[in-house]
Amino acid sequence: GGELRVEVPDTNESKELMKFCRKLTVPLRAAMREQKVLMARENPTRPVVHVFFIAPGCCYVGYSYSNNNSPFYMGIPRLRF
């Protein structure tokens, strides 16, 4: 893969889970690079690995092609004021 995206549901209940995922992302990315699951550098033309947490310790893993995924954080365009 070319990029790792650790994601959570966009709900109020997932706020604590988001903190957990932020702490997990860097060590997970390093481990995936060490195991050659991810490339050493992010590559926008390679597939994106998605890890979607529904609870601490419970996640779904999948991938999407770089030409067929959302460029927005967690797939949701957000307004900035």
PDB file of N, CA and C in Angstrom:
ATOM      1  N   GLY A   1       0.804  -1.189   0.000  1.00  0.00           N
ATOM      2  CA  GLY A   1       0.000   0.000   0.000  1.00  0.00           C
ATOM      3  C   GLY A   1       0.848   1.255   0.000  1.00  0.00           C
ATOM      4  N   GLY A   2       0.208   2.346  -0.361  1.00  0.00           N
ATOM      5  CA  GLY A   2       0.913   3.607  -0.417  1.00  0.00           C
ATOM      6  C   GLY A   2       0.613   4.548   0.725  1.00  0.00           C
ATOM      7  N   GLU A   3      -0.496   4.311   1.428  1.00  0.00           N
ATOM      8  CA  GLU A   3      -0.898   5.208   2.513  1.00  0.00           C
ATOM      9  C   GLU A   3      -1.728   4.421   3.517  1.00  0.00           C
ATOM     10  N   LEU A   4      -1.673   4.843   4.779  1.00  0.00           N
ATOM     11  CA  LEU A   4      -2.481   4.236   5.837  1.00  0.00           C
ATOM     12  C   LEU A   4      -3.475   5.264   6.340  1.00  0.00           C
ATOM     13  N   ARG A   5      -4.739   4.865   6.442  1.00  0.00           N
ATOM     14  CA  ARG A   5      -5.768   5.730   7.025  1.00  0.00           C
ATOM     15  C   ARG A   5      -6.444   4.964   8.157  1.00  0.00           C
ATOM     16  N   VAL A   6      -6.290   5.471   9.370  1.00  0.00           N
ATOM     17  CA  VAL A   6      -6.955   4.889  10.539  1.00  0.00           C
ATOM     18  C   VAL A   6      -8.187   5.745  10.788  1.00  0.00           C
ATOM     19  N   GLU A   7      -9.364   5.110  10.764  1.00  0.00           N
ATOM     20  CA  GLU A   7     -10.620   5.852  10.805  1.00  0.00           C
ATOM     21  C   GLU A   7     -11.554   5.300  11.871  1.00  0.00           C
ATOM     22  N   VAL A   8     -12.510   6.128  12.270  1.00  0.00           N
ATOM     23  CA  VAL A   8     -13.532   5.746  13.258  1.00  0.00           C
ATOM     24  C   VAL A   8     -14.877   6.272  12.765  1.00  0.00           C
ATOM     25  N   PRO A   9     -15.991   5.758  13.302  1.00  0.00           N
ATOM     26  CA  PRO A   9     -17.297   6.318  12.941  1.00  0.00           C
ATOM     27  C   PRO A   9     -17.373   7.792  13.349  1.00  0.00           C
ATOM     28  N   ASP A  10     -18.089   8.575  12.594  1.00  0.00           N
ATOM     29  CA  ASP A  10     -18.229  10.006  12.884  1.00  0.00           C
ATOM     30  C   ASP A  10     -19.431  10.220  13.805  1.00  0.00           C
ATOM     31  N   THR A  11     -19.264   9.836  15.077  1.00  0.00           N
ATOM     32  CA  THR A  11     -20.329   9.984  16.075  1.00  0.00           C
ATOM     33  C   THR A  11     -19.743  10.600  17.338  1.00  0.00           C
ATOM     34  N   ASN A  12     -20.599  11.116  18.201  1.00  0.00           N
ATOM     35  CA  ASN A  12     -20.132  11.660  19.480  1.00  0.00           C
ATOM     36  C   ASN A  12     -19.512  10.573  20.342  1.00  0.00           C
ATOM     37  N   GLU A  13     -20.038   9.353  20.261  1.00  0.00           N
ATOM     38  CA  GLU A  13     -19.523   8.247  21.070  1.00  0.00           C
ATOM     39  C   GLU A  13     -18.099   7.855  20.667  1.00  0.00           C
ATOM     40  N   SER A  14     -17.690   8.200  19.468  1.00  0.00           N
ATOM     41  CA  SER A  14     -16.377   7.791  18.963  1.00  0.00           C
ATOM     42  C   SER A  14     -15.261   8.772  19.285  1.00  0.00           C
ATOM     43  N   LYS A  15     -15.554   9.833  20.025  1.00  0.00           N
ATOM     44  CA  LYS A  15     -14.524  10.835  20.341  1.00  0.00           C
ATOM     45  C   LYS A  15     -13.349  10.218  21.105  1.00  0.00           C
ATOM     46  N   GLU A  16     -13.624   9.380  22.104  1.00  0.00           N
ATOM     47  CA  GLU A  16     -12.548   8.721  22.857  1.00  0.00           C
ATOM     48  C   GLU A  16     -11.782   7.749  21.968  1.00  0.00           C
ATOM     49  N   LEU A  17     -12.497   7.065  21.104  1.00  0.00           N
ATOM     50  CA  LEU A  17     -11.864   6.125  20.178  1.00  0.00           C
ATOM     51  C   LEU A  17     -10.921   6.859  19.233  1.00  0.00           C
ATOM     52  N   MET A  18     -11.277   8.072  18.861  1.00  0.00           N
ATOM     53  CA  MET A  18     -10.434   8.890  17.996  1.00  0.00           C
ATOM     54  C   MET A  18      -9.084   9.163  18.662  1.00  0.00           C
ATOM     55  N   LYS A  19      -9.083   9.440  19.949  1.00  0.00           N
ATOM     56  CA  LYS A  19      -7.831   9.675  20.682  1.00  0.00           C
ATOM     57  C   LYS A  19      -6.956   8.427  20.642  1.00  0.00           C
ATOM     58  N   PHE A  20      -7.568   7.268  20.867  1.00  0.00           N
ATOM     59  CA  PHE A  20      -6.847   5.993  20.808  1.00  0.00           C
ATOM     60  C   PHE A  20      -6.226   5.801  19.420  1.00  0.00           C
ATOM     61  N   CYS A  21      -6.993   6.087  18.385  1.00  0.00           N
ATOM     62  CA  CYS A  21      -6.518   5.882  17.017  1.00  0.00           C
ATOM     63  C   CYS A  21      -5.374   6.823  16.657  1.00  0.00           C
ATOM     64  N   ARG A  22      -5.422   8.057  17.160  1.00  0.00           N
ATOM     65  CA  ARG A  22      -4.321   8.992  16.900  1.00  0.00           C
ATOM     66  C   ARG A  22      -3.015   8.466  17.481  1.00  0.00           C
ATOM     67  N   LYS A  23      -3.090   7.890  18.679  1.00  0.00           N
ATOM     68  CA  LYS A  23      -1.888   7.344  19.320  1.00  0.00           C
ATOM     69  C   LYS A  23      -1.403   6.086  18.613  1.00  0.00           C
ATOM     70  N   LEU A  24      -2.302   5.337  18.015  1.00  0.00           N
ATOM     71  CA  LEU A  24      -1.966   4.070  17.375  1.00  0.00           C
ATOM     72  C   LEU A  24      -1.405   4.236  15.968  1.00  0.00           C
ATOM     73  N   THR A  25      -1.763   5.296  15.277  1.00  0.00           N
ATOM     74  CA  THR A  25      -1.451   5.436  13.856  1.00  0.00           C
ATOM     75  C   THR A  25       0.044   5.367  13.552  1.00  0.00           C
ATOM     76  N   VAL A  26       0.867   6.113  14.269  1.00  0.00           N
ATOM     77  CA  VAL A  26       2.307   6.148  13.964  1.00  0.00           C
ATOM     78  C   VAL A  26       2.970   4.788  14.197  1.00  0.00           C
ATOM     79  N   PRO A  27       2.766   4.128  15.357  1.00  0.00           N
ATOM     80  CA  PRO A  27       3.389   2.811  15.518  1.00  0.00           C
ATOM     81  C   PRO A  27       2.829   1.765  14.545  1.00  0.00           C
ATOM     82  N   LEU A  28       1.551   1.850  14.210  1.00  0.00           N
ATOM     83  CA  LEU A  28       0.967   0.908  13.248  1.00  0.00           C
ATOM     84  C   LEU A  28       1.583   1.106  11.873  1.00  0.00           C
ATOM     85  N   ARG A  29       1.743   2.360  11.455  1.00  0.00           N
ATOM     86  CA  ARG A  29       2.363   2.651  10.164  1.00  0.00           C
ATOM     87  C   ARG A  29       3.794   2.117  10.126  1.00  0.00           C
ATOM     88  N   ALA A  30       4.543   2.320  11.203  1.00  0.00           N
ATOM     89  CA  ALA A  30       5.928   1.836  11.255  1.00  0.00           C
ATOM     90  C   ALA A  30       5.975   0.313  11.165  1.00  0.00           C
ATOM     91  N   ALA A  31       5.095  -0.369  11.881  1.00  0.00           N
ATOM     92  CA  ALA A  31       5.066  -1.836  11.847  1.00  0.00           C
ATOM     93  C   ALA A  31       4.668  -2.346  10.466  1.00  0.00           C
ATOM     94  N   MET A  32       3.726  -1.673   9.823  1.00  0.00           N
ATOM     95  CA  MET A  32       3.300  -2.101   8.489  1.00  0.00           C
ATOM     96  C   MET A  32       4.400  -1.868   7.459  1.00  0.00           C
ATOM     97  N   ARG A  33       5.182  -0.820   7.632  1.00  0.00           N
ATOM     98  CA  ARG A  33       6.317  -0.595   6.731  1.00  0.00           C
ATOM     99  C   ARG A  33       7.392  -1.650   6.955  1.00  0.00           C
ATOM    100  N   GLU A  34       7.628  -1.992   8.206  1.00  0.00           N
ATOM    101  CA  GLU A  34       8.626  -3.015   8.529  1.00  0.00           C
ATOM    102  C   GLU A  34       8.246  -4.369   7.927  1.00  0.00           C
ATOM    103  N   GLN A  35       6.954  -4.677   7.917  1.00  0.00           N
ATOM    104  CA  GLN A  35       6.464  -5.941   7.357  1.00  0.00           C
ATOM    105  C   GLN A  35       6.239  -5.860   5.839  1.00  0.00           C
ATOM    106  N   LYS A  36       6.593  -4.712   5.241  1.00  0.00           N
ATOM    107  CA  LYS A  36       6.456  -4.471   3.799  1.00  0.00           C
ATOM    108  C   LYS A  36       5.002  -4.454   3.320  1.00  0.00           C
ATOM    109  N   VAL A  37       4.070  -4.173   4.228  1.00  0.00           N
ATOM    110  CA  VAL A  37       2.667  -4.002   3.837  1.00  0.00           C
ATOM    111  C   VAL A  37       2.497  -2.615   3.228  1.00  0.00           C
ATOM    112  N   LEU A  38       3.203  -1.639   3.799  1.00  0.00           N
ATOM    113  CA  LEU A  38       3.223  -0.276   3.264  1.00  0.00           C
ATOM    114  C   LEU A  38       4.600   0.005   2.688  1.00  0.00           C
ATOM    115  N   MET A  39       4.645   0.891   1.707  1.00  0.00           N
ATOM    116  CA  MET A  39       5.925   1.304   1.149  1.00  0.00           C
ATOM    117  C   MET A  39       6.637   2.209   2.153  1.00  0.00           C
ATOM    118  N   ALA A  40       7.938   2.369   1.997  1.00  0.00           N
ATOM    119  CA  ALA A  40       8.723   3.195   2.913  1.00  0.00           C
ATOM    120  C   ALA A  40       8.257   4.651   2.897  1.00  0.00           C
ATOM    121  N   ARG A  41       7.787   5.119   1.754  1.00  0.00           N
ATOM    122  CA  ARG A  41       7.262   6.482   1.635  1.00  0.00           C
ATOM    123  C   ARG A  41       5.859   6.408   1.059  1.00  0.00           C
ATOM    124  N   GLU A  42       5.009   7.349   1.475  1.00  0.00           N
ATOM    125  CA  GLU A  42       3.653   7.378   0.922  1.00  0.00           C
ATOM    126  C   GLU A  42       3.720   7.609  -0.579  1.00  0.00           C
ATOM    127  N   ASN A  43       2.901   6.874  -1.302  1.00  0.00           N
ATOM    128  CA  ASN A  43       2.866   6.977  -2.750  1.00  0.00           C
ATOM    129  C   ASN A  43       1.407   7.160  -3.173  1.00  0.00           C
ATOM    130  N   PRO A  44       1.059   8.326  -3.727  1.00  0.00           N
ATOM    131  CA  PRO A  44      -0.348   8.597  -4.053  1.00  0.00           C
ATOM    132  C   PRO A  44      -0.920   7.724  -5.167  1.00  0.00           C
ATOM    133  N   THR A  45      -0.086   6.978  -5.881  1.00  0.00           N
ATOM    134  CA  THR A  45      -0.600   6.121  -6.949  1.00  0.00           C
ATOM    135  C   THR A  45      -0.871   4.695  -6.474  1.00  0.00           C
ATOM    136  N   ARG A  46      -0.449   4.364  -5.269  1.00  0.00           N
ATOM    137  CA  ARG A  46      -0.649   3.011  -4.725  1.00  0.00           C
ATOM    138  C   ARG A  46      -1.965   2.947  -3.950  1.00  0.00           C
ATOM    139  N   PRO A  47      -2.491   1.743  -3.735  1.00  0.00           N
ATOM    140  CA  PRO A  47      -3.729   1.615  -2.952  1.00  0.00           C
ATOM    141  C   PRO A  47      -3.571   2.149  -1.525  1.00  0.00           C
ATOM    142  N   VAL A  48      -4.692   2.554  -0.953  1.00  0.00           N
ATOM    143  CA  VAL A  48      -4.744   3.078   0.410  1.00  0.00           C
ATOM    144  C   VAL A  48      -5.240   1.967   1.328  1.00  0.00           C
ATOM    145  N   VAL A  49      -4.529   1.733   2.437  1.00  0.00           N
ATOM    146  CA  VAL A  49      -4.953   0.748   3.432  1.00  0.00           C
ATOM    147  C   VAL A  49      -5.813   1.479   4.459  1.00  0.00           C
ATOM    148  N   HIS A  50      -7.024   0.984   4.680  1.00  0.00           N
ATOM    149  CA  HIS A  50      -7.952   1.574   5.644  1.00  0.00           C
ATOM    150  C   HIS A  50      -8.083   0.643   6.840  1.00  0.00           C
ATOM    151  N   VAL A  51      -7.954   1.195   8.046  1.00  0.00           N
ATOM    152  CA  VAL A  51      -8.210   0.453   9.283  1.00  0.00           C
ATOM    153  C   VAL A  51      -9.324   1.220   9.985  1.00  0.00           C
ATOM    154  N   PHE A  52     -10.510   0.620  10.028  1.00  0.00           N
ATOM    155  CA  PHE A  52     -11.702   1.283  10.560  1.00  0.00           C
ATOM    156  C   PHE A  52     -12.045   0.671  11.908  1.00  0.00           C
ATOM    157  N   PHE A  53     -11.812   1.444  12.977  1.00  0.00           N
ATOM    158  CA  PHE A  53     -12.065   0.957  14.337  1.00  0.00           C
ATOM    159  C   PHE A  53     -13.514   1.218  14.728  1.00  0.00           C
ATOM    160  N   ILE A  54     -14.179   0.179  15.239  1.00  0.00           N
ATOM    161  CA  ILE A  54     -15.526   0.346  15.781  1.00  0.00           C
ATOM    162  C   ILE A  54     -15.501   0.294  17.302  1.00  0.00           C
ATOM    163  N   ALA A  55     -14.379  -0.165  17.867  1.00  0.00           N
ATOM    164  CA  ALA A  55     -14.154  -0.210  19.319  1.00  0.00           C
ATOM    165  C   ALA A  55     -12.654  -0.385  19.519  1.00  0.00           C
ATOM    166  N   PRO A  56     -12.118  -0.059  20.717  1.00  0.00           N
ATOM    167  CA  PRO A  56     -10.683  -0.287  20.938  1.00  0.00           C
ATOM    168  C   PRO A  56     -10.388  -1.784  20.869  1.00  0.00           C
ATOM    169  N   GLY A  57      -9.689  -2.234  19.889  1.00  0.00           N
ATOM    170  CA  GLY A  57      -9.389  -3.656  19.750  1.00  0.00           C
ATOM    171  C   GLY A  57     -10.286  -4.370  18.758  1.00  0.00           C
ATOM    172  N   CYS A  58     -11.173  -3.643  18.095  1.00  0.00           N
ATOM    173  CA  CYS A  58     -12.073  -4.242  17.100  1.00  0.00           C
ATOM    174  C   CYS A  58     -12.092  -3.344  15.864  1.00  0.00           C
ATOM    175  N   CYS A  59     -11.577  -3.861  14.759  1.00  0.00           N
ATOM    176  CA  CYS A  59     -11.505  -3.039  13.554  1.00  0.00           C
ATOM    177  C   CYS A  59     -11.733  -3.875  12.301  1.00  0.00           C
ATOM    178  N   TYR A  60     -12.018  -3.179  11.232  1.00  0.00           N
ATOM    179  CA  TYR A  60     -12.108  -3.769   9.901  1.00  0.00           C
ATOM    180  C   TYR A  60     -10.946  -3.213   9.094  1.00  0.00           C
ATOM    181  N   VAL A  61     -10.302  -4.073   8.310  1.00  0.00           N
ATOM    182  CA  VAL A  61      -9.187  -3.654   7.473  1.00  0.00           C
ATOM    183  C   VAL A  61      -9.601  -3.846   6.019  1.00  0.00           C
ATOM    184  N   GLY A  62      -9.305  -2.852   5.213  1.00  0.00           N
ATOM    185  CA  GLY A  62      -9.623  -2.937   3.795  1.00  0.00           C
ATOM    186  C   GLY A  62      -8.691  -2.043   3.007  1.00  0.00           C
ATOM    187  N   TYR A  63      -8.943  -1.941   1.735  1.00  0.00           N
ATOM    188  CA  TYR A  63      -8.128  -1.060   0.902  1.00  0.00           C
ATOM    189  C   TYR A  63      -9.004  -0.423  -0.162  1.00  0.00           C
ATOM    190  N   SER A  64      -8.511   0.657  -0.716  1.00  0.00           N
ATOM    191  CA  SER A  64      -9.179   1.303  -1.844  1.00  0.00           C
ATOM    192  C   SER A  64      -8.103   1.742  -2.826  1.00  0.00           C
ATOM    193  N   TYR A  65      -8.488   1.789  -4.077  1.00  0.00           N
ATOM    194  CA  TYR A  65      -7.558   2.263  -5.089  1.00  0.00           C
ATOM    195  C   TYR A  65      -7.474   3.781  -5.030  1.00  0.00           C
ATOM    196  N   SER A  66      -6.295   4.305  -5.314  1.00  0.00           N
ATOM    197  CA  SER A  66      -6.066   5.745  -5.180  1.00  0.00           C
ATOM    198  C   SER A  66      -6.946   6.568  -6.114  1.00  0.00           C
ATOM    199  N   ASN A  67      -7.390   5.987  -7.213  1.00  0.00           N
ATOM    200  CA  ASN A  67      -8.246   6.734  -8.140  1.00  0.00           C
ATOM    201  C   ASN A  67      -9.732   6.565  -7.813  1.00  0.00           C
ATOM    202  N   ASN A  68     -10.042   5.873  -6.687  1.00  0.00           N
ATOM    203  CA  ASN A  68     -11.445   5.613  -6.352  1.00  0.00           C
ATOM    204  C   ASN A  68     -11.680   5.714  -4.848  1.00  0.00           C
ATOM    205  N   ASN A  69     -11.185   6.794  -4.229  1.00  0.00           N
ATOM    206  CA  ASN A  69     -11.464   7.030  -2.810  1.00  0.00           C
ATOM    207  C   ASN A  69     -11.578   8.528  -2.561  1.00  0.00           C
ATOM    208  N   SER A  70     -12.087   8.862  -1.418  1.00  0.00           N
ATOM    209  CA  SER A  70     -12.301  10.267  -1.082  1.00  0.00           C
ATOM    210  C   SER A  70     -11.002  10.911  -0.601  1.00  0.00           C
ATOM    211  N   PRO A  71     -10.691  12.112  -1.079  1.00  0.00           N
ATOM    212  CA  PRO A  71      -9.499  12.807  -0.595  1.00  0.00           C
ATOM    213  C   PRO A  71      -9.715  13.465   0.767  1.00  0.00           C
ATOM    214  N   PHE A  72     -10.962  13.476   1.251  1.00  0.00           N
ATOM    215  CA  PHE A  72     -11.291  14.151   2.502  1.00  0.00           C
ATOM    216  C   PHE A  72     -11.018  13.262   3.705  1.00  0.00           C
ATOM    217  N   TYR A  73     -10.697  13.897   4.843  1.00  0.00           N
ATOM    218  CA  TYR A  73     -10.460  13.181   6.092  1.00  0.00           C
ATOM    219  C   TYR A  73     -11.689  12.350   6.449  1.00  0.00           C
ATOM    220  N   MET A  74     -11.520  11.068   6.621  1.00  0.00           N
ATOM    221  CA  MET A  74     -12.576  10.095   6.917  1.00  0.00           C
ATOM    222  C   MET A  74     -13.694  10.138   5.877  1.00  0.00           C
ATOM    223  N   GLY A  75     -13.372  10.613   4.666  1.00  0.00           N
ATOM    224  CA  GLY A  75     -14.317  10.600   3.564  1.00  0.00           C
ATOM    225  C   GLY A  75     -15.375  11.672   3.593  1.00  0.00           C
ATOM    226  N   ILE A  76     -15.257  12.630   4.522  1.00  0.00           N
ATOM    227  CA  ILE A  76     -16.304  13.632   4.705  1.00  0.00           C
ATOM    228  C   ILE A  76     -15.745  15.031   4.453  1.00  0.00           C
ATOM    229  N   PRO A  77     -16.300  15.766   3.458  1.00  0.00           N
ATOM    230  CA  PRO A  77     -15.865  17.155   3.294  1.00  0.00           C
ATOM    231  C   PRO A  77     -16.370  17.994   4.467  1.00  0.00           C
ATOM    232  N   ARG A  78     -15.499  18.810   5.025  1.00  0.00           N
ATOM    233  CA  ARG A  78     -15.865  19.615   6.194  1.00  0.00           C
ATOM    234  C   ARG A  78     -15.638  21.088   5.879  1.00  0.00           C
ATOM    235  N   LEU A  79     -16.531  21.927   6.407  1.00  0.00           N
ATOM    236  CA  LEU A  79     -16.401  23.368   6.219  1.00  0.00           C
ATOM    237  C   LEU A  79     -15.419  23.935   7.226  1.00  0.00           C
ATOM    238  N   ARG A  80     -14.611  24.878   6.778  1.00  0.00           N
ATOM    239  CA  ARG A  80     -13.679  25.567   7.681  1.00  0.00           C
ATOM    240  C   ARG A  80     -14.053  27.035   7.700  1.00  0.00           C
ATOM    241  N   PHE A  81     -14.129  27.571   8.895  1.00  0.00           N
ATOM    242  CA  PHE A  81     -14.489  28.985   9.035  1.00  0.00           C
ATOM    243  C   PHE A  81     -13.297  29.793   9.452  1.00  0.00           C
TER     244      PHE A  81
END
